[in-house]
């Protein structure tokens, strides 16, 4: 089973989601910004879209 993941970065929270091949949401969780991994923080000020669709 292939999975697609994404992180929606905001100034006050982030939303992480995993979807299956049928676009069903398998996991969705809102994270506080303090939980954002350090390597993502510099990118929070610009839009990133790596979706292959």
C-alpha atoms as a PDB file:
ATOM      1  CA  UNK A   1       0.000   0.000   0.000  1.00  0.00           C
ATOM      2  CA  UNK A   2       1.375   3.402  -1.005  1.00  0.00           C
ATOM      3  CA  UNK A   3       0.926   6.289   1.398  1.00  0.00           C
ATOM      4  CA  UNK A   4       1.028  10.023   0.770  1.00  0.00           C
ATOM      5  CA  UNK A   5       1.920  12.427   3.531  1.00  0.00           C
ATOM      6  CA  UNK A   6       1.835  16.133   4.034  1.00  0.00           C
ATOM      7  CA  UNK A   7       2.466  18.834   6.581  1.00  0.00           C
ATOM      8  CA  UNK A   8       0.556  22.105   6.504  1.00  0.00           C
ATOM      9  CA  UNK A   9       2.816  24.622   8.260  1.00  0.00           C
ATOM     10  CA  UNK A  10       1.237  27.629  10.002  1.00  0.00           C
ATOM     11  CA  UNK A  11       2.561  30.244  12.406  1.00  0.00           C
ATOM     12  CA  UNK A  12       0.670  28.826  15.411  1.00  0.00           C
ATOM     13  CA  UNK A  13       0.247  25.102  14.566  1.00  0.00           C
ATOM     14  CA  UNK A  14       0.954  22.433  11.957  1.00  0.00           C
ATOM     15  CA  UNK A  15      -1.315  19.725  10.574  1.00  0.00           C
ATOM     16  CA  UNK A  16       0.201  16.369   9.612  1.00  0.00           C
ATOM     17  CA  UNK A  17      -1.744  13.900   7.463  1.00  0.00           C
ATOM     18  CA  UNK A  18      -1.242  10.483   5.854  1.00  0.00           C
ATOM     19  CA  UNK A  19      -3.525   9.293   3.047  1.00  0.00           C
ATOM     20  CA  UNK A  20      -3.776   5.945   1.299  1.00  0.00           C
ATOM     21  CA  UNK A  21      -4.022   5.303  -2.465  1.00  0.00           C
ATOM     22  CA  UNK A  22      -7.774   5.954  -2.359  1.00  0.00           C
ATOM     23  CA  UNK A  23      -7.214   9.348  -0.666  1.00  0.00           C
ATOM     24  CA  UNK A  24      -8.658   8.097   2.626  1.00  0.00           C
ATOM     25  CA  UNK A  25      -7.194   9.879   5.635  1.00  0.00           C
ATOM     26  CA  UNK A  26      -5.357   7.332   7.784  1.00  0.00           C
ATOM     27  CA  UNK A  27      -3.802   9.820  10.184  1.00  0.00           C
ATOM     28  CA  UNK A  28      -4.408  13.503  10.842  1.00  0.00           C
ATOM     29  CA  UNK A  29      -3.077  15.433  13.788  1.00  0.00           C
ATOM     30  CA  UNK A  30      -2.554  19.061  14.697  1.00  0.00           C
ATOM     31  CA  UNK A  31       0.844  19.774  16.251  1.00  0.00           C
ATOM     32  CA  UNK A  32       1.876  22.897  18.164  1.00  0.00           C
ATOM     33  CA  UNK A  33       4.669  24.865  16.495  1.00  0.00           C
ATOM     34  CA  UNK A  34       7.082  24.009  19.311  1.00  0.00           C
ATOM     35  CA  UNK A  35       6.849  20.358  18.133  1.00  0.00           C
ATOM     36  CA  UNK A  36       7.911  21.242  14.585  1.00  0.00           C
ATOM     37  CA  UNK A  37      11.169  19.497  13.648  1.00  0.00           C
ATOM     38  CA  UNK A  38      14.017  21.982  13.406  1.00  0.00           C
ATOM     39  CA  UNK A  39      14.717  21.287   9.730  1.00  0.00           C
ATOM     40  CA  UNK A  40      11.197  22.499   8.793  1.00  0.00           C
ATOM     41  CA  UNK A  41      11.242  25.772  10.722  1.00  0.00           C
ATOM     42  CA  UNK A  42      13.206  27.799   8.120  1.00  0.00           C
ATOM     43  CA  UNK A  43      10.628  26.756   5.495  1.00  0.00           C
ATOM     44  CA  UNK A  44       7.581  27.858   7.475  1.00  0.00           C
ATOM     45  CA  UNK A  45       7.653  31.319   5.912  1.00  0.00           C
ATOM     46  CA  UNK A  46       7.282  30.093   2.305  1.00  0.00           C
ATOM     47  CA  UNK A  47       4.900  27.792   0.480  1.00  0.00           C
ATOM     48  CA  UNK A  48       6.213  24.353  -0.467  1.00  0.00           C
ATOM     49  CA  UNK A  49       4.283  21.888  -2.618  1.00  0.00           C
ATOM     50  CA  UNK A  50       5.953  18.593  -3.522  1.00  0.00           C
ATOM     51  CA  UNK A  51       2.726  16.791  -4.391  1.00  0.00           C
ATOM     52  CA  UNK A  52       3.165  14.493  -7.410  1.00  0.00           C
ATOM     53  CA  UNK A  53      -0.507  14.869  -8.306  1.00  0.00           C
END
